[in-house]
Amino acid sequence: MKRQAGAQASLLTLGLLLGSACSHADIVPQFQSATHSGGDYRWIYQIDLTGGERIRKGNYFTIYDFAGFIPGSNFQPVNWVFSTALVGKTPKGAGIVDNSKIPNLTWTYMGRPTGGFNLIDLGLFGALSKYGKGQLSDYVGTGRRYAPHARGNGKPMITTGTIEVPQAIAPEGGSLSLLLPGLATLGLLLRKRSRQG
């Protein structure tokens, strides 16, 4: 199932890459793997910059709703700075679905302008999560159009799509049924105390 979800995410990303002539895609993450690491899972993403695009200081990409994120476990190449937030980082009008209770992971470029006519491998990025099961979520990437001596050169560009992220594991039905009697008893005790007071 993990491979199937990864294949779906890769196909979606491939579709974005093939459609880049029309949509001017820029920073495009691709899910690589989620491997067991101690008691957690190491989620790895390959990031590419499509041809006809450039990035400069301040351009970034965000992967939304990365459940079970382990603070301080992020990794990225040189010239990239990591941040996390429950909401955003999102350009205006990107149309992203963002659960404000699950962390988003953002990497911001701080190096010299890079890019050009050809696809560029920006490297491997990722973080640890408590969860190894995946589901699809949104991502957004920002960049600049690279078309020297042509109209629109340097114009800000935004890419959105879906990518595999860790899925929070809810308690199973059996576990919930074991908790219900205890919660009911606690409710009765609290109610009794409030009447006595």
N, C-alpha and C. Protein backbone atom coordinates (compact mmCIF):
# COMPACT_ATOMS: atom_id res chain seq x y z
N MET A 1 0.83 -1.19 0.00
CA MET A 1 0.00 0.00 0.00
C MET A 1 0.87 1.26 0.00
N LYS A 2 1.99 1.21 0.78
CA LYS A 2 2.91 2.34 0.82
C LYS A 2 3.52 2.58 -0.56
N ARG A 3 3.89 1.48 -1.25
CA ARG A 3 4.46 1.62 -2.59
C ARG A 3 3.44 2.20 -3.56
N GLN A 4 2.17 1.75 -3.42
CA GLN A 4 1.12 2.23 -4.30
C GLN A 4 0.91 3.73 -4.12
N ALA A 5 0.85 4.19 -2.85
CA ALA A 5 0.68 5.62 -2.58
C ALA A 5 1.88 6.41 -3.10
N GLY A 6 3.09 5.84 -2.92
CA GLY A 6 4.30 6.49 -3.43
C GLY A 6 4.28 6.59 -4.94
N ALA A 7 3.79 5.53 -5.59
CA ALA A 7 3.70 5.53 -7.05
C ALA A 7 2.69 6.57 -7.51
N GLN A 8 1.57 6.71 -6.79
CA GLN A 8 0.58 7.71 -7.15
C GLN A 8 1.17 9.10 -7.02
N ALA A 9 1.90 9.33 -5.93
CA ALA A 9 2.52 10.65 -5.73
C ALA A 9 3.53 10.93 -6.82
N SER A 10 4.32 9.91 -7.21
CA SER A 10 5.31 10.09 -8.26
C SER A 10 4.65 10.38 -9.60
N LEU A 11 3.52 9.71 -9.88
CA LEU A 11 2.80 9.96 -11.12
C LEU A 11 2.24 11.37 -11.15
N LEU A 12 1.73 11.85 -10.00
CA LEU A 12 1.23 13.21 -9.95
C LEU A 12 2.36 14.21 -10.19
N THR A 13 3.51 13.95 -9.59
CA THR A 13 4.65 14.84 -9.77
C THR A 13 5.14 14.80 -11.21
N LEU A 14 5.16 13.60 -11.81
CA LEU A 14 5.56 13.47 -13.21
C LEU A 14 4.62 14.27 -14.09
N GLY A 15 3.32 14.21 -13.77
CA GLY A 15 2.35 14.99 -14.52
C GLY A 15 2.64 16.47 -14.43
N LEU A 16 3.03 16.93 -13.24
CA LEU A 16 3.39 18.34 -13.08
C LEU A 16 4.62 18.70 -13.91
N LEU A 17 5.61 17.79 -13.89
CA LEU A 17 6.82 18.05 -14.66
C LEU A 17 6.54 18.11 -16.15
N LEU A 18 5.71 17.18 -16.64
CA LEU A 18 5.38 17.16 -18.07
C LEU A 18 4.56 18.37 -18.45
N GLY A 19 3.77 18.87 -17.51
CA GLY A 19 2.94 20.02 -17.81
C GLY A 19 3.62 21.33 -17.51
N SER A 20 4.92 21.31 -17.24
CA SER A 20 5.60 22.52 -16.81
C SER A 20 5.68 23.58 -17.90
N ALA A 21 5.59 23.16 -19.16
CA ALA A 21 5.63 24.15 -20.23
C ALA A 21 4.44 25.09 -20.13
N CYS A 22 3.31 24.58 -19.64
CA CYS A 22 2.11 25.40 -19.51
C CYS A 22 2.02 26.05 -18.14
N SER A 23 2.31 25.30 -17.09
CA SER A 23 2.08 25.79 -15.74
C SER A 23 3.31 26.45 -15.13
N HIS A 24 4.46 26.33 -15.78
CA HIS A 24 5.71 26.87 -15.26
C HIS A 24 5.99 26.40 -13.85
N ALA A 25 6.01 25.08 -13.66
CA ALA A 25 6.34 24.51 -12.36
C ALA A 25 7.75 24.92 -11.97
N ASP A 26 8.02 24.95 -10.67
CA ASP A 26 9.38 25.31 -10.26
C ASP A 26 9.92 24.28 -9.28
N ILE A 27 9.82 24.49 -7.96
CA ILE A 27 10.33 23.52 -7.00
C ILE A 27 9.32 22.37 -6.89
N VAL A 28 9.76 21.17 -7.24
CA VAL A 28 8.86 20.01 -7.24
C VAL A 28 9.42 18.90 -6.36
N PRO A 29 8.78 18.62 -5.20
CA PRO A 29 9.24 17.51 -4.35
C PRO A 29 8.68 16.17 -4.81
N GLN A 30 9.47 15.13 -4.67
CA GLN A 30 9.04 13.77 -4.97
C GLN A 30 9.33 12.90 -3.75
N PHE A 31 8.32 12.15 -3.31
CA PHE A 31 8.51 11.23 -2.18
C PHE A 31 9.45 10.11 -2.58
N GLN A 32 10.45 9.83 -1.74
CA GLN A 32 11.41 8.75 -2.00
C GLN A 32 11.15 7.52 -1.14
N SER A 33 11.08 7.71 0.19
CA SER A 33 10.89 6.56 1.07
C SER A 33 10.55 7.00 2.49
N ALA A 34 9.99 6.05 3.24
CA ALA A 34 9.78 6.22 4.68
C ALA A 34 10.35 4.96 5.32
N THR A 35 11.55 5.08 5.89
CA THR A 35 12.24 3.90 6.43
C THR A 35 12.29 3.95 7.94
N HIS A 36 12.24 2.76 8.55
CA HIS A 36 12.28 2.64 10.01
C HIS A 36 13.61 3.16 10.52
N SER A 37 13.57 4.00 11.56
CA SER A 37 14.78 4.57 12.14
C SER A 37 14.60 4.62 13.65
N GLY A 38 15.15 3.63 14.35
CA GLY A 38 14.90 3.52 15.79
C GLY A 38 13.43 3.20 16.00
N GLY A 39 12.75 4.00 16.80
CA GLY A 39 11.31 3.81 16.99
C GLY A 39 10.48 4.69 16.08
N ASP A 40 11.14 5.46 15.20
CA ASP A 40 10.45 6.41 14.34
C ASP A 40 10.65 6.03 12.86
N TYR A 41 10.25 6.95 11.97
CA TYR A 41 10.38 6.72 10.53
C TYR A 41 11.02 7.94 9.88
N ARG A 42 11.99 7.67 9.00
CA ARG A 42 12.72 8.73 8.30
C ARG A 42 12.07 8.92 6.93
N TRP A 43 11.44 10.06 6.74
CA TRP A 43 10.75 10.40 5.48
C TRP A 43 11.71 11.21 4.62
N ILE A 44 11.91 10.76 3.38
CA ILE A 44 12.89 11.39 2.49
C ILE A 44 12.20 11.86 1.21
N TYR A 45 12.54 13.08 0.79
CA TYR A 45 12.00 13.67 -0.42
C TYR A 45 13.14 14.14 -1.33
N GLN A 46 13.02 13.85 -2.61
CA GLN A 46 13.94 14.37 -3.63
C GLN A 46 13.31 15.64 -4.18
N ILE A 47 14.08 16.74 -4.22
CA ILE A 47 13.53 18.01 -4.70
C ILE A 47 14.24 18.41 -5.99
N ASP A 48 13.43 18.75 -7.00
CA ASP A 48 13.96 19.18 -8.29
C ASP A 48 13.48 20.60 -8.60
N LEU A 49 14.29 21.30 -9.37
CA LEU A 49 13.91 22.59 -9.92
C LEU A 49 13.76 22.40 -11.42
N THR A 50 12.57 22.63 -11.94
CA THR A 50 12.32 22.35 -13.35
C THR A 50 13.05 23.34 -14.25
N GLY A 51 13.23 22.94 -15.51
CA GLY A 51 13.88 23.80 -16.49
C GLY A 51 13.06 25.05 -16.73
N GLY A 52 13.74 26.15 -17.05
CA GLY A 52 13.05 27.41 -17.28
C GLY A 52 12.68 28.13 -15.99
N GLU A 53 13.30 27.70 -14.88
CA GLU A 53 13.00 28.30 -13.57
C GLU A 53 14.30 28.61 -12.84
N ARG A 54 14.20 29.56 -11.92
CA ARG A 54 15.31 29.91 -11.05
C ARG A 54 14.78 30.05 -9.63
N ILE A 55 15.65 29.83 -8.66
CA ILE A 55 15.32 30.17 -7.28
C ILE A 55 16.38 31.13 -6.77
N ARG A 56 15.96 31.98 -5.86
CA ARG A 56 16.89 32.91 -5.22
C ARG A 56 16.55 32.98 -3.74
N LYS A 57 17.34 33.71 -2.99
CA LYS A 57 17.15 33.81 -1.55
C LYS A 57 15.70 34.17 -1.23
N GLY A 58 15.09 33.36 -0.35
CA GLY A 58 13.71 33.61 0.05
C GLY A 58 12.69 32.70 -0.60
N ASN A 59 13.06 32.07 -1.74
CA ASN A 59 12.14 31.10 -2.33
C ASN A 59 12.08 29.87 -1.43
N TYR A 60 10.95 29.18 -1.43
CA TYR A 60 10.76 28.08 -0.48
C TYR A 60 9.78 27.05 -1.03
N PHE A 61 9.72 25.92 -0.32
CA PHE A 61 8.64 24.97 -0.54
C PHE A 61 8.15 24.47 0.80
N THR A 62 6.85 24.18 0.86
CA THR A 62 6.21 23.71 2.09
C THR A 62 5.50 22.40 1.82
N ILE A 63 5.69 21.44 2.71
CA ILE A 63 4.94 20.18 2.69
C ILE A 63 3.97 20.25 3.87
N TYR A 64 2.69 20.12 3.56
CA TYR A 64 1.64 20.34 4.55
C TYR A 64 1.26 19.07 5.30
N ASP A 65 0.87 19.26 6.57
CA ASP A 65 0.28 18.22 7.41
C ASP A 65 1.16 16.98 7.54
N PHE A 66 2.37 17.21 8.02
CA PHE A 66 3.36 16.16 8.25
C PHE A 66 3.16 15.64 9.68
N ALA A 67 2.28 14.67 9.83
CA ALA A 67 1.88 14.18 11.15
C ALA A 67 3.04 13.49 11.88
N GLY A 68 3.09 13.68 13.19
CA GLY A 68 4.08 13.00 14.02
C GLY A 68 5.49 13.53 13.90
N PHE A 69 5.65 14.78 13.40
CA PHE A 69 6.97 15.37 13.21
C PHE A 69 7.76 15.37 14.52
N ILE A 70 9.02 14.91 14.45
CA ILE A 70 9.93 14.91 15.60
C ILE A 70 10.78 16.18 15.52
N PRO A 71 10.58 17.16 16.42
CA PRO A 71 11.35 18.41 16.36
C PRO A 71 12.86 18.17 16.36
N GLY A 72 13.55 18.92 15.50
CA GLY A 72 15.00 18.82 15.39
C GLY A 72 15.50 17.69 14.51
N SER A 73 14.60 16.92 13.91
CA SER A 73 15.02 15.76 13.11
C SER A 73 15.14 16.08 11.62
N ASN A 74 14.85 17.32 11.23
CA ASN A 74 14.89 17.69 9.81
C ASN A 74 16.30 17.61 9.26
N PHE A 75 16.40 17.40 7.95
CA PHE A 75 17.69 17.44 7.26
C PHE A 75 17.48 18.06 5.89
N GLN A 76 18.54 18.70 5.37
CA GLN A 76 18.47 19.41 4.11
C GLN A 76 19.89 19.73 3.64
N PRO A 77 20.07 20.04 2.35
CA PRO A 77 21.40 20.43 1.85
C PRO A 77 21.82 21.80 2.39
N VAL A 78 23.07 22.14 2.14
CA VAL A 78 23.60 23.46 2.49
C VAL A 78 22.79 24.52 1.75
N ASN A 79 22.70 25.70 2.30
CA ASN A 79 21.99 26.86 1.74
C ASN A 79 20.48 26.80 1.91
N TRP A 80 19.98 25.83 2.68
CA TRP A 80 18.55 25.76 2.95
C TRP A 80 18.32 25.88 4.46
N VAL A 81 17.28 26.62 4.85
CA VAL A 81 16.93 26.82 6.25
C VAL A 81 15.56 26.20 6.48
N PHE A 82 15.42 25.48 7.58
CA PHE A 82 14.18 24.78 7.90
C PHE A 82 13.35 25.56 8.91
N SER A 83 12.03 25.47 8.76
CA SER A 83 11.10 26.00 9.77
C SER A 83 9.84 25.14 9.75
N THR A 84 9.10 25.20 10.84
CA THR A 84 7.85 24.46 10.92
C THR A 84 6.80 25.34 11.58
N ALA A 85 5.55 25.17 11.16
CA ALA A 85 4.43 25.93 11.72
C ALA A 85 3.16 25.12 11.52
N LEU A 86 2.16 25.43 12.33
CA LEU A 86 0.88 24.74 12.17
C LEU A 86 0.06 25.29 11.02
N VAL A 87 0.31 26.55 10.64
CA VAL A 87 -0.39 27.17 9.51
C VAL A 87 0.64 27.77 8.57
N GLY A 88 0.46 27.51 7.24
CA GLY A 88 1.38 28.06 6.23
C GLY A 88 2.69 27.30 6.24
N LYS A 89 3.62 27.84 5.65
CA LYS A 89 3.86 29.03 4.87
C LYS A 89 3.24 28.83 3.49
N THR A 90 2.36 29.76 3.10
CA THR A 90 1.58 29.59 1.89
C THR A 90 1.46 30.91 1.14
N PRO A 91 1.77 30.91 -0.17
CA PRO A 91 1.55 32.13 -0.96
C PRO A 91 0.05 32.41 -1.09
N LYS A 92 -0.31 33.65 -1.27
CA LYS A 92 -1.71 34.02 -1.45
C LYS A 92 -2.26 33.35 -2.72
N GLY A 93 -3.49 32.85 -2.61
CA GLY A 93 -4.16 32.28 -3.78
C GLY A 93 -3.69 30.90 -4.17
N ALA A 94 -2.93 30.21 -3.30
CA ALA A 94 -2.40 28.89 -3.66
C ALA A 94 -3.46 27.80 -3.57
N GLY A 95 -4.55 28.04 -2.82
CA GLY A 95 -5.64 27.05 -2.73
C GLY A 95 -5.25 25.78 -2.01
N ILE A 96 -4.48 25.89 -0.94
CA ILE A 96 -3.99 24.74 -0.19
C ILE A 96 -4.98 24.33 0.89
N VAL A 97 -5.14 23.02 1.08
CA VAL A 97 -5.91 22.50 2.21
C VAL A 97 -4.92 22.24 3.34
N ASP A 98 -5.10 22.93 4.48
CA ASP A 98 -4.12 22.87 5.57
C ASP A 98 -4.84 22.61 6.89
N ASN A 99 -4.53 21.47 7.52
CA ASN A 99 -5.08 21.16 8.85
C ASN A 99 -4.25 21.92 9.88
N SER A 100 -4.86 22.86 10.58
CA SER A 100 -4.13 23.73 11.50
C SER A 100 -3.67 23.02 12.78
N LYS A 101 -3.95 21.72 12.90
CA LYS A 101 -3.51 20.98 14.08
C LYS A 101 -2.30 20.09 13.79
N ILE A 102 -1.88 20.04 12.50
CA ILE A 102 -0.76 19.17 12.11
C ILE A 102 0.35 20.03 11.52
N PRO A 103 1.62 19.83 11.93
CA PRO A 103 2.71 20.70 11.48
C PRO A 103 2.96 20.64 9.97
N ASN A 104 3.34 21.80 9.45
CA ASN A 104 3.81 21.91 8.07
C ASN A 104 5.32 22.08 8.12
N LEU A 105 6.02 21.53 7.13
CA LEU A 105 7.47 21.64 7.05
C LEU A 105 7.83 22.57 5.89
N THR A 106 8.66 23.57 6.15
CA THR A 106 9.07 24.52 5.11
C THR A 106 10.59 24.60 5.05
N TRP A 107 11.11 24.57 3.82
CA TRP A 107 12.53 24.79 3.58
C TRP A 107 12.68 26.04 2.72
N THR A 108 13.51 26.99 3.17
CA THR A 108 13.70 28.26 2.47
C THR A 108 15.13 28.34 1.96
N TYR A 109 15.27 28.74 0.69
CA TYR A 109 16.59 28.83 0.06
C TYR A 109 17.29 30.12 0.49
N MET A 110 18.57 30.02 0.87
CA MET A 110 19.34 31.18 1.33
C MET A 110 20.63 31.38 0.53
N GLY A 111 20.77 30.66 -0.57
CA GLY A 111 22.01 30.74 -1.35
C GLY A 111 21.93 31.72 -2.51
N ARG A 112 22.91 31.62 -3.38
CA ARG A 112 22.95 32.46 -4.59
C ARG A 112 21.90 31.96 -5.58
N PRO A 113 21.42 32.85 -6.46
CA PRO A 113 20.43 32.42 -7.46
C PRO A 113 20.95 31.22 -8.25
N THR A 114 20.06 30.25 -8.46
CA THR A 114 20.44 29.07 -9.23
C THR A 114 19.27 28.66 -10.11
N GLY A 115 19.57 27.97 -11.18
CA GLY A 115 18.54 27.53 -12.10
C GLY A 115 18.92 27.89 -13.53
N GLY A 116 18.03 27.61 -14.44
CA GLY A 116 18.32 27.89 -15.84
C GLY A 116 17.38 27.12 -16.74
N PHE A 117 17.93 26.68 -17.88
CA PHE A 117 17.10 26.01 -18.88
C PHE A 117 16.85 24.54 -18.55
N ASN A 118 17.75 23.91 -17.77
CA ASN A 118 17.65 22.47 -17.52
C ASN A 118 17.15 22.15 -16.11
N LEU A 119 16.60 20.96 -15.96
CA LEU A 119 16.17 20.46 -14.65
C LEU A 119 17.38 20.36 -13.73
N ILE A 120 17.23 20.79 -12.47
CA ILE A 120 18.33 20.74 -11.50
C ILE A 120 17.89 19.93 -10.28
N ASP A 121 18.74 19.03 -9.85
CA ASP A 121 18.53 18.24 -8.63
C ASP A 121 18.96 19.10 -7.45
N LEU A 122 18.00 19.49 -6.60
CA LEU A 122 18.32 20.33 -5.44
C LEU A 122 18.74 19.52 -4.23
N GLY A 123 18.55 18.18 -4.26
CA GLY A 123 19.02 17.33 -3.18
C GLY A 123 17.92 16.64 -2.41
N LEU A 124 18.34 16.01 -1.30
CA LEU A 124 17.42 15.25 -0.45
C LEU A 124 17.06 16.06 0.79
N PHE A 125 15.78 16.07 1.12
CA PHE A 125 15.24 16.78 2.26
C PHE A 125 14.36 15.82 3.05
N GLY A 126 14.09 16.13 4.31
CA GLY A 126 13.17 15.28 5.04
C GLY A 126 13.22 15.50 6.54
N ALA A 127 12.56 14.57 7.24
CA ALA A 127 12.47 14.64 8.70
C ALA A 127 11.98 13.30 9.23
N LEU A 128 12.06 13.16 10.54
CA LEU A 128 11.53 11.96 11.20
C LEU A 128 10.08 12.20 11.62
N SER A 129 9.31 11.12 11.59
CA SER A 129 7.94 11.14 12.07
C SER A 129 7.72 9.92 12.97
N LYS A 130 6.76 10.02 13.86
CA LYS A 130 6.37 8.87 14.67
C LYS A 130 5.63 7.83 13.83
N TYR A 131 5.17 8.24 12.66
CA TYR A 131 4.32 7.38 11.83
C TYR A 131 4.99 6.96 10.53
N GLY A 132 4.72 5.72 10.12
CA GLY A 132 5.30 5.20 8.89
C GLY A 132 4.29 5.01 7.77
N LYS A 133 3.01 5.06 8.10
CA LYS A 133 1.96 4.91 7.09
C LYS A 133 1.74 6.25 6.41
N GLY A 134 1.51 6.23 5.09
CA GLY A 134 1.39 7.47 4.35
C GLY A 134 0.00 7.78 3.85
N GLN A 135 -0.19 9.07 3.55
CA GLN A 135 -1.40 9.54 2.88
C GLN A 135 -0.99 10.77 2.06
N LEU A 136 -1.82 11.16 1.10
CA LEU A 136 -1.49 12.30 0.26
C LEU A 136 -1.88 13.60 0.94
N SER A 137 -1.03 14.61 0.78
CA SER A 137 -1.29 15.95 1.28
C SER A 137 -0.76 16.94 0.25
N ASP A 138 -0.97 18.23 0.50
CA ASP A 138 -0.56 19.27 -0.44
C ASP A 138 0.89 19.69 -0.22
N TYR A 139 1.46 20.26 -1.28
CA TYR A 139 2.74 20.97 -1.16
C TYR A 139 2.65 22.22 -2.04
N VAL A 140 3.51 23.18 -1.76
CA VAL A 140 3.62 24.37 -2.59
C VAL A 140 5.09 24.71 -2.73
N GLY A 141 5.49 25.20 -3.89
CA GLY A 141 6.86 25.64 -4.12
C GLY A 141 6.85 26.99 -4.82
N THR A 142 7.83 27.84 -4.51
CA THR A 142 7.92 29.15 -5.16
C THR A 142 9.25 29.28 -5.88
N GLY A 143 9.26 30.05 -6.94
CA GLY A 143 10.46 30.29 -7.71
C GLY A 143 10.27 31.48 -8.63
N ARG A 144 11.12 31.57 -9.64
CA ARG A 144 11.07 32.67 -10.61
C ARG A 144 11.22 32.10 -12.02
N ARG A 145 10.49 32.67 -12.95
CA ARG A 145 10.62 32.23 -14.33
C ARG A 145 11.99 32.63 -14.87
N TYR A 146 12.61 31.69 -15.60
CA TYR A 146 13.91 31.98 -16.21
C TYR A 146 13.74 31.95 -17.72
N ALA A 147 13.69 33.13 -18.31
CA ALA A 147 13.54 33.26 -19.77
C ALA A 147 14.26 34.52 -20.22
N PRO A 148 15.61 34.48 -20.24
CA PRO A 148 16.38 35.68 -20.58
C PRO A 148 15.91 36.29 -21.90
N HIS A 149 15.81 37.61 -21.93
CA HIS A 149 15.42 38.37 -23.12
C HIS A 149 14.01 38.05 -23.58
N ALA A 150 13.18 37.46 -22.70
CA ALA A 150 11.80 37.15 -23.07
C ALA A 150 10.86 37.77 -22.05
N ARG A 151 9.64 37.97 -22.47
CA ARG A 151 8.62 38.55 -21.59
C ARG A 151 8.37 37.61 -20.40
N GLY A 152 8.26 38.18 -19.21
CA GLY A 152 7.98 37.39 -18.02
C GLY A 152 9.21 36.87 -17.30
N ASN A 153 10.40 37.17 -17.81
CA ASN A 153 11.62 36.72 -17.13
C ASN A 153 11.65 37.30 -15.72
N GLY A 154 11.90 36.45 -14.72
CA GLY A 154 11.95 36.87 -13.33
C GLY A 154 10.61 36.94 -12.64
N LYS A 155 9.53 36.61 -13.35
CA LYS A 155 8.19 36.64 -12.76
C LYS A 155 8.07 35.57 -11.68
N PRO A 156 7.48 35.92 -10.51
CA PRO A 156 7.29 34.91 -9.45
C PRO A 156 6.38 33.78 -9.93
N MET A 157 6.75 32.54 -9.61
CA MET A 157 5.98 31.37 -10.02
C MET A 157 5.64 30.54 -8.79
N ILE A 158 4.46 29.90 -8.82
CA ILE A 158 4.01 29.05 -7.72
C ILE A 158 3.62 27.70 -8.29
N THR A 159 4.06 26.63 -7.63
CA THR A 159 3.65 25.27 -7.99
C THR A 159 2.91 24.66 -6.80
N THR A 160 1.81 23.99 -7.08
CA THR A 160 1.11 23.24 -6.04
C THR A 160 0.88 21.82 -6.54
N GLY A 161 0.73 20.90 -5.62
CA GLY A 161 0.47 19.51 -5.98
C GLY A 161 0.26 18.68 -4.73
N THR A 162 0.27 17.38 -4.89
CA THR A 162 0.12 16.49 -3.74
C THR A 162 1.34 15.60 -3.60
N ILE A 163 1.59 15.19 -2.36
CA ILE A 163 2.76 14.36 -2.07
C ILE A 163 2.44 13.50 -0.84
N GLU A 164 3.13 12.38 -0.70
CA GLU A 164 2.88 11.49 0.43
C GLU A 164 3.52 12.04 1.70
N VAL A 165 2.75 12.00 2.78
CA VAL A 165 3.19 12.46 4.09
C VAL A 165 2.77 11.42 5.14
N PRO A 166 3.33 11.49 6.35
CA PRO A 166 2.90 10.55 7.40
C PRO A 166 1.44 10.79 7.78
N GLN A 167 0.74 9.70 8.00
CA GLN A 167 -0.65 9.77 8.43
C GLN A 167 -0.73 9.47 9.92
N ALA A 168 -1.39 10.36 10.66
CA ALA A 168 -1.58 10.12 12.09
C ALA A 168 -2.46 8.90 12.28
N ILE A 169 -2.06 8.03 13.18
CA ILE A 169 -2.81 6.79 13.41
C ILE A 169 -3.78 7.03 14.56
N ALA A 170 -5.08 7.00 14.26
CA ALA A 170 -6.11 7.18 15.29
C ALA A 170 -6.25 5.89 16.08
N PRO A 171 -6.68 5.97 17.34
CA PRO A 171 -6.90 4.74 18.12
C PRO A 171 -7.90 3.84 17.42
N GLU A 172 -7.64 2.54 17.44
CA GLU A 172 -8.54 1.59 16.79
C GLU A 172 -9.85 1.51 17.56
N GLY A 173 -10.90 1.02 16.87
CA GLY A 173 -12.23 0.90 17.47
C GLY A 173 -12.21 0.11 18.77
N GLY A 174 -11.43 -0.98 18.83
CA GLY A 174 -11.34 -1.80 20.03
C GLY A 174 -10.76 -1.02 21.20
N SER A 175 -9.75 -0.19 20.91
CA SER A 175 -9.13 0.61 21.97
C SER A 175 -10.11 1.64 22.50
N LEU A 176 -10.88 2.25 21.59
CA LEU A 176 -11.86 3.24 22.01
C LEU A 176 -12.94 2.61 22.89
N SER A 177 -13.36 1.39 22.54
CA SER A 177 -14.41 0.75 23.33
C SER A 177 -13.92 0.43 24.74
N LEU A 178 -12.61 0.22 24.90
CA LEU A 178 -12.05 0.00 26.24
C LEU A 178 -12.01 1.30 27.05
N LEU A 179 -11.86 2.42 26.37
CA LEU A 179 -11.79 3.71 27.05
C LEU A 179 -13.16 4.24 27.47
N LEU A 180 -14.19 3.91 26.72
CA LEU A 180 -15.51 4.50 26.96
C LEU A 180 -16.05 4.27 28.39
N PRO A 181 -15.99 3.03 28.94
CA PRO A 181 -16.49 2.86 30.31
C PRO A 181 -15.77 3.74 31.32
N GLY A 182 -14.46 3.88 31.18
CA GLY A 182 -13.68 4.72 32.09
C GLY A 182 -14.06 6.18 31.96
N LEU A 183 -14.27 6.65 30.73
CA LEU A 183 -14.68 8.04 30.52
C LEU A 183 -16.07 8.29 31.10
N ALA A 184 -16.98 7.31 30.95
CA ALA A 184 -18.34 7.44 31.50
C ALA A 184 -18.29 7.54 33.02
N THR A 185 -17.47 6.71 33.66
CA THR A 185 -17.32 6.73 35.12
C THR A 185 -16.76 8.07 35.58
N LEU A 186 -15.74 8.58 34.86
CA LEU A 186 -15.14 9.86 35.21
C LEU A 186 -16.17 10.98 35.11
N GLY A 187 -17.00 10.92 34.06
CA GLY A 187 -18.05 11.92 33.88
C GLY A 187 -19.04 11.91 35.03
N LEU A 188 -19.42 10.72 35.47
CA LEU A 188 -20.37 10.60 36.59
C LEU A 188 -19.78 11.15 37.87
N LEU A 189 -18.50 10.86 38.13
CA LEU A 189 -17.84 11.37 39.34
C LEU A 189 -17.78 12.89 39.35
N LEU A 190 -17.42 13.47 38.20
CA LEU A 190 -17.34 14.93 38.10
C LEU A 190 -18.72 15.56 38.30
N ARG A 191 -19.72 14.93 37.75
CA ARG A 191 -21.09 15.44 37.88
C ARG A 191 -21.54 15.38 39.35
N LYS A 192 -21.21 14.29 40.01
CA LYS A 192 -21.58 14.10 41.42
C LYS A 192 -20.89 15.16 42.28
N ARG A 193 -19.61 15.44 42.00
CA ARG A 193 -18.86 16.43 42.79
C ARG A 193 -19.46 17.83 42.61
N SER A 194 -19.87 18.15 41.38
CA SER A 194 -20.41 19.49 41.14
C SER A 194 -21.75 19.67 41.86
N ARG A 195 -22.53 18.60 42.01
CA ARG A 195 -23.79 18.69 42.76
C ARG A 195 -23.52 18.88 44.26
N GLN A 196 -22.46 18.21 44.77
CA GLN A 196 -22.16 18.31 46.21
C GLN A 196 -21.62 19.68 46.57
N GLY A 197 -20.94 20.32 45.60
CA GLY A 197 -20.32 21.61 45.87
C GLY A 197 -21.30 22.69 45.83
